[in-house]
């Protein structure tokens, strides 16, 4: 009888160990699933810290960091305007430029937009009423990488 009791106890222990192993495997799976979102969160937090650092050092964050080839201030300002509000026509861009610089002509804005479009920084999209300009996807990707966000 003592032997049967001992065998039963051993069998019960084996069942408990199997059940514990099964639960551990399940928990490992859950932890594995949680790791990827945590990595993404850590990466996003790192991007925010980089953004704040740039803001603190320079008093703002400008796309100038990713377009060193653009030398003239009007083109840089046009890109800044489109980063602030994408999808504007020449008149809208000219108006914002006038308020920031004191003067701006539609002809100059049009010339600068053509140059920016050739360089691949701006995309032109015709609409029913006019033509709107957008920051190119490539420039948005570069900008997000500068800020530490990988989109």
C-alpha atoms as a PDB file:
ATOM      1  CA  UNK A   1       0.000   0.000   0.000  1.00  0.00           C
ATOM      2  CA  UNK A   2       2.886   2.336   0.746  1.00  0.00           C
ATOM      3  CA  UNK A   3       4.251   1.604  -2.719  1.00  0.00           C
ATOM      4  CA  UNK A   4       0.924   2.457  -4.403  1.00  0.00           C
ATOM      5  CA  UNK A   5       0.751   5.688  -2.433  1.00  0.00           C
ATOM      6  CA  UNK A   6       4.314   6.531  -3.428  1.00  0.00           C
ATOM      7  CA  UNK A   7       3.591   5.758  -7.108  1.00  0.00           C
ATOM      8  CA  UNK A   8       0.450   7.913  -6.977  1.00  0.00           C
ATOM      9  CA  UNK A   9       2.419  10.787  -5.462  1.00  0.00           C
ATOM     10  CA  UNK A  10       5.091  10.461  -8.152  1.00  0.00           C
ATOM     11  CA  UNK A  11       2.440  10.428 -10.873  1.00  0.00           C
ATOM     12  CA  UNK A  12       0.766  13.496  -9.329  1.00  0.00           C
ATOM     13  CA  UNK A  13       4.136  15.272  -9.241  1.00  0.00           C
ATOM     14  CA  UNK A  14       4.756  14.382 -12.906  1.00  0.00           C
ATOM     15  CA  UNK A  15       1.348  15.795 -13.846  1.00  0.00           C
ATOM     16  CA  UNK A  16       2.041  18.991 -11.897  1.00  0.00           C
ATOM     17  CA  UNK A  17       5.474  19.349 -13.522  1.00  0.00           C
ATOM     18  CA  UNK A  18       3.933  18.857 -16.981  1.00  0.00           C
ATOM     19  CA  UNK A  19       1.255  21.434 -16.179  1.00  0.00           C
ATOM     20  CA  UNK A  20       3.888  23.878 -14.890  1.00  0.00           C
ATOM     21  CA  UNK A  21       5.987  23.338 -18.031  1.00  0.00           C
ATOM     22  CA  UNK A  22       2.913  24.022 -20.145  1.00  0.00           C
ATOM     23  CA  UNK A  23       2.166  27.246 -18.226  1.00  0.00           C
ATOM     24  CA  UNK A  24       5.799  28.363 -18.480  1.00  0.00           C
ATOM     25  CA  UNK A  25       5.726  27.811 -22.248  1.00  0.00           C
ATOM     26  CA  UNK A  26       2.505  29.835 -22.456  1.00  0.00           C
ATOM     27  CA  UNK A  27       4.045  32.676 -20.416  1.00  0.00           C
ATOM     28  CA  UNK A  28       7.157  32.649 -22.597  1.00  0.00           C
ATOM     29  CA  UNK A  29       4.908  33.065 -25.636  1.00  0.00           C
ATOM     30  CA  UNK A  30       3.115  36.015 -24.046  1.00  0.00           C
ATOM     31  CA  UNK A  31       6.402  37.662 -23.073  1.00  0.00           C
ATOM     32  CA  UNK A  32       7.725  37.152 -26.596  1.00  0.00           C
ATOM     33  CA  UNK A  33       4.625  38.879 -28.027  1.00  0.00           C
ATOM     34  CA  UNK A  34       5.075  41.834 -25.651  1.00  0.00           C
ATOM     35  CA  UNK A  35       8.723  42.415 -26.521  1.00  0.00           C
ATOM     36  CA  UNK A  36       8.161  43.829 -30.033  1.00  0.00           C
ATOM     37  CA  UNK A  37       5.720  46.572 -28.962  1.00  0.00           C
ATOM     38  CA  UNK A  38       8.092  47.460 -26.131  1.00  0.00           C
ATOM     39  CA  UNK A  39      10.986  47.754 -28.599  1.00  0.00           C
ATOM     40  CA  UNK A  40       8.892  50.056 -30.780  1.00  0.00           C
ATOM     41  CA  UNK A  41       7.915  52.118 -27.749  1.00  0.00           C
ATOM     42  CA  UNK A  42      11.569  52.400 -26.712  1.00  0.00           C
ATOM     43  CA  UNK A  43      12.477  53.512 -30.247  1.00  0.00           C
ATOM     44  CA  UNK A  44       9.696  56.126 -30.269  1.00  0.00           C
ATOM     45  CA  UNK A  45      10.778  57.423 -26.861  1.00  0.00           C
ATOM     46  CA  UNK A  46      14.323  57.713 -28.162  1.00  0.00           C
ATOM     47  CA  UNK A  47      13.011  59.739 -31.105  1.00  0.00           C
ATOM     48  CA  UNK A  48      11.134  62.087 -28.795  1.00  0.00           C
ATOM     49  CA  UNK A  49      14.268  62.620 -26.696  1.00  0.00           C
ATOM     50  CA  UNK A  50      16.235  63.407 -29.848  1.00  0.00           C
ATOM     51  CA  UNK A  51      13.500  65.817 -30.953  1.00  0.00           C
ATOM     52  CA  UNK A  52      13.517  67.577 -27.577  1.00  0.00           C
ATOM     53  CA  UNK A  53      17.322  67.744 -27.615  1.00  0.00           C
ATOM     54  CA  UNK A  54      17.309  69.391 -31.061  1.00  0.00           C
ATOM     55  CA  UNK A  55      14.608  71.785 -29.940  1.00  0.00           C
ATOM     56  CA  UNK A  56      16.538  72.744 -26.795  1.00  0.00           C
ATOM     57  CA  UNK A  57      19.833  73.240 -28.667  1.00  0.00           C
ATOM     58  CA  UNK A  58      18.491  75.214 -31.621  1.00  0.00           C
ATOM     59  CA  UNK A  59      15.249  76.724 -30.320  1.00  0.00           C
ATOM     60  CA  UNK A  60      13.314  74.819 -32.954  1.00  0.00           C
ATOM     61  CA  UNK A  61      13.609  71.933 -35.324  1.00  0.00           C
ATOM     62  CA  UNK A  62      14.049  72.803 -38.956  1.00  0.00           C
ATOM     63  CA  UNK A  63      14.136  70.563 -42.019  1.00  0.00           C
ATOM     64  CA  UNK A  64      17.404  72.349 -42.930  1.00  0.00           C
ATOM     65  CA  UNK A  65      19.220  69.442 -41.284  1.00  0.00           C
ATOM     66  CA  UNK A  66      18.192  67.074 -44.078  1.00  0.00           C
ATOM     67  CA  UNK A  67      18.467  69.395 -47.071  1.00  0.00           C
ATOM     68  CA  UNK A  68      21.942  70.917 -46.847  1.00  0.00           C
ATOM     69  CA  UNK A  69      21.988  71.202 -50.658  1.00  0.00           C
ATOM     70  CA  UNK A  70      19.264  73.878 -50.589  1.00  0.00           C
ATOM     71  CA  UNK A  71      21.135  77.112 -50.009  1.00  0.00           C
ATOM     72  CA  UNK A  72      18.646  79.899 -50.681  1.00  0.00           C
ATOM     73  CA  UNK A  73      16.444  81.023 -47.827  1.00  0.00           C
ATOM     74  CA  UNK A  74      13.253  81.236 -49.903  1.00  0.00           C
ATOM     75  CA  UNK A  75      13.427  77.555 -50.917  1.00  0.00           C
ATOM     76  CA  UNK A  76      14.136  76.553 -47.310  1.00  0.00           C
ATOM     77  CA  UNK A  77      11.174  78.600 -46.147  1.00  0.00           C
ATOM     78  CA  UNK A  78       8.912  77.023 -48.800  1.00  0.00           C
ATOM     79  CA  UNK A  79       9.877  73.578 -47.529  1.00  0.00           C
ATOM     80  CA  UNK A  80       9.200  74.705 -43.946  1.00  0.00           C
ATOM     81  CA  UNK A  81       5.793  76.015 -45.023  1.00  0.00           C
ATOM     82  CA  UNK A  82       4.921  72.699 -46.668  1.00  0.00           C
ATOM     83  CA  UNK A  83       6.118  70.737 -43.639  1.00  0.00           C
ATOM     84  CA  UNK A  84       3.784  72.825 -41.487  1.00  0.00           C
ATOM     85  CA  UNK A  85       0.835  72.411 -43.854  1.00  0.00           C
ATOM     86  CA  UNK A  86       1.211  70.081 -46.799  1.00  0.00           C
ATOM     87  CA  UNK A  87      -0.865  70.436 -49.968  1.00  0.00           C
ATOM     88  CA  UNK A  88      -0.867  74.147 -50.735  1.00  0.00           C
ATOM     89  CA  UNK A  89      -1.043  75.987 -54.025  1.00  0.00           C
ATOM     90  CA  UNK A  90       1.319  78.753 -55.163  1.00  0.00           C
ATOM     91  CA  UNK A  91      -0.980  81.525 -53.904  1.00  0.00           C
ATOM     92  CA  UNK A  92      -1.215  80.006 -50.431  1.00  0.00           C
ATOM     93  CA  UNK A  93       2.535  79.456 -50.211  1.00  0.00           C
ATOM     94  CA  UNK A  94       3.199  83.009 -51.452  1.00  0.00           C
ATOM     95  CA  UNK A  95       0.829  84.466 -48.856  1.00  0.00           C
ATOM     96  CA  UNK A  96       2.499  82.634 -45.970  1.00  0.00           C
ATOM     97  CA  UNK A  97       5.907  83.616 -47.332  1.00  0.00           C
ATOM     98  CA  UNK A  98       4.810  87.279 -47.465  1.00  0.00           C
ATOM     99  CA  UNK A  99       3.735  87.241 -43.823  1.00  0.00           C
ATOM    100  CA  UNK A 100       7.060  85.700 -42.780  1.00  0.00           C
ATOM    101  CA  UNK A 101       9.453  87.665 -44.994  1.00  0.00           C
ATOM    102  CA  UNK A 102       7.563  90.870 -45.696  1.00  0.00           C
ATOM    103  CA  UNK A 103       7.513  90.325 -49.453  1.00  0.00           C
ATOM    104  CA  UNK A 104       7.211  87.491 -51.932  1.00  0.00           C
ATOM    105  CA  UNK A 105       6.237  87.160 -55.555  1.00  0.00           C
ATOM    106  CA  UNK A 106       4.272  84.351 -57.147  1.00  0.00           C
ATOM    107  CA  UNK A 107       6.823  84.197 -59.969  1.00  0.00           C
ATOM    108  CA  UNK A 108       9.735  83.583 -57.584  1.00  0.00           C
ATOM    109  CA  UNK A 109       7.723  81.041 -55.571  1.00  0.00           C
ATOM    110  CA  UNK A 110       6.819  79.219 -58.796  1.00  0.00           C
ATOM    111  CA  UNK A 111      10.502  79.155 -59.879  1.00  0.00           C
ATOM    112  CA  UNK A 112      11.611  77.870 -56.489  1.00  0.00           C
ATOM    113  CA  UNK A 113       8.918  75.170 -56.511  1.00  0.00           C
ATOM    114  CA  UNK A 114      10.043  73.995 -59.961  1.00  0.00           C
ATOM    115  CA  UNK A 115      13.625  73.788 -58.675  1.00  0.00           C
ATOM    116  CA  UNK A 116      12.553  71.937 -55.514  1.00  0.00           C
ATOM    117  CA  UNK A 117      10.456  69.558 -57.602  1.00  0.00           C
ATOM    118  CA  UNK A 118      13.432  68.781 -59.870  1.00  0.00           C
ATOM    119  CA  UNK A 119      15.572  68.090 -56.786  1.00  0.00           C
ATOM    120  CA  UNK A 120      12.936  65.645 -55.521  1.00  0.00           C
ATOM    121  CA  UNK A 121      12.022  67.608 -52.385  1.00  0.00           C
ATOM    122  CA  UNK A 122       8.551  68.653 -53.533  1.00  0.00           C
ATOM    123  CA  UNK A 123       5.806  66.842 -55.456  1.00  0.00           C
ATOM    124  CA  UNK A 124       3.328  68.653 -57.703  1.00  0.00           C
ATOM    125  CA  UNK A 125      -0.253  67.330 -57.810  1.00  0.00           C
ATOM    126  CA  UNK A 126      -2.877  68.875 -60.085  1.00  0.00           C
ATOM    127  CA  UNK A 127      -6.392  69.282 -58.671  1.00  0.00           C
ATOM    128  CA  UNK A 128      -9.626  70.335 -60.374  1.00  0.00           C
ATOM    129  CA  UNK A 129      -9.051  74.021 -59.600  1.00  0.00           C
ATOM    130  CA  UNK A 130      -5.279  74.404 -59.292  1.00  0.00           C
ATOM    131  CA  UNK A 131      -1.992  72.664 -58.570  1.00  0.00           C
ATOM    132  CA  UNK A 132      -0.984  71.754 -55.047  1.00  0.00           C
ATOM    133  CA  UNK A 133       2.494  71.087 -53.748  1.00  0.00           C
ATOM    134  CA  UNK A 134       3.511  68.483 -51.199  1.00  0.00           C
ATOM    135  CA  UNK A 135       6.707  67.501 -49.446  1.00  0.00           C
ATOM    136  CA  UNK A 136       8.034  64.355 -51.152  1.00  0.00           C
ATOM    137  CA  UNK A 137       7.802  60.997 -49.376  1.00  0.00           C
ATOM    138  CA  UNK A 138      11.587  60.674 -49.571  1.00  0.00           C
ATOM    139  CA  UNK A 139      12.042  63.967 -47.731  1.00  0.00           C
ATOM    140  CA  UNK A 140       9.497  62.939 -45.091  1.00  0.00           C
ATOM    141  CA  UNK A 141      11.399  59.675 -44.548  1.00  0.00           C
ATOM    142  CA  UNK A 142      14.722  61.501 -44.203  1.00  0.00           C
ATOM    143  CA  UNK A 143      13.158  63.977 -41.813  1.00  0.00           C
ATOM    144  CA  UNK A 144      11.651  61.237 -39.663  1.00  0.00           C
ATOM    145  CA  UNK A 145      15.036  59.485 -39.533  1.00  0.00           C
ATOM    146  CA  UNK A 146      16.714  62.703 -38.383  1.00  0.00           C
ATOM    147  CA  UNK A 147      14.176  62.836 -35.580  1.00  0.00           C
ATOM    148  CA  UNK A 148      14.746  59.173 -34.782  1.00  0.00           C
ATOM    149  CA  UNK A 149      11.450  57.843 -36.084  1.00  0.00           C
ATOM    150  CA  UNK A 150      11.562  55.101 -38.660  1.00  0.00           C
ATOM    151  CA  UNK A 151       8.437  55.185 -40.792  1.00  0.00           C
END
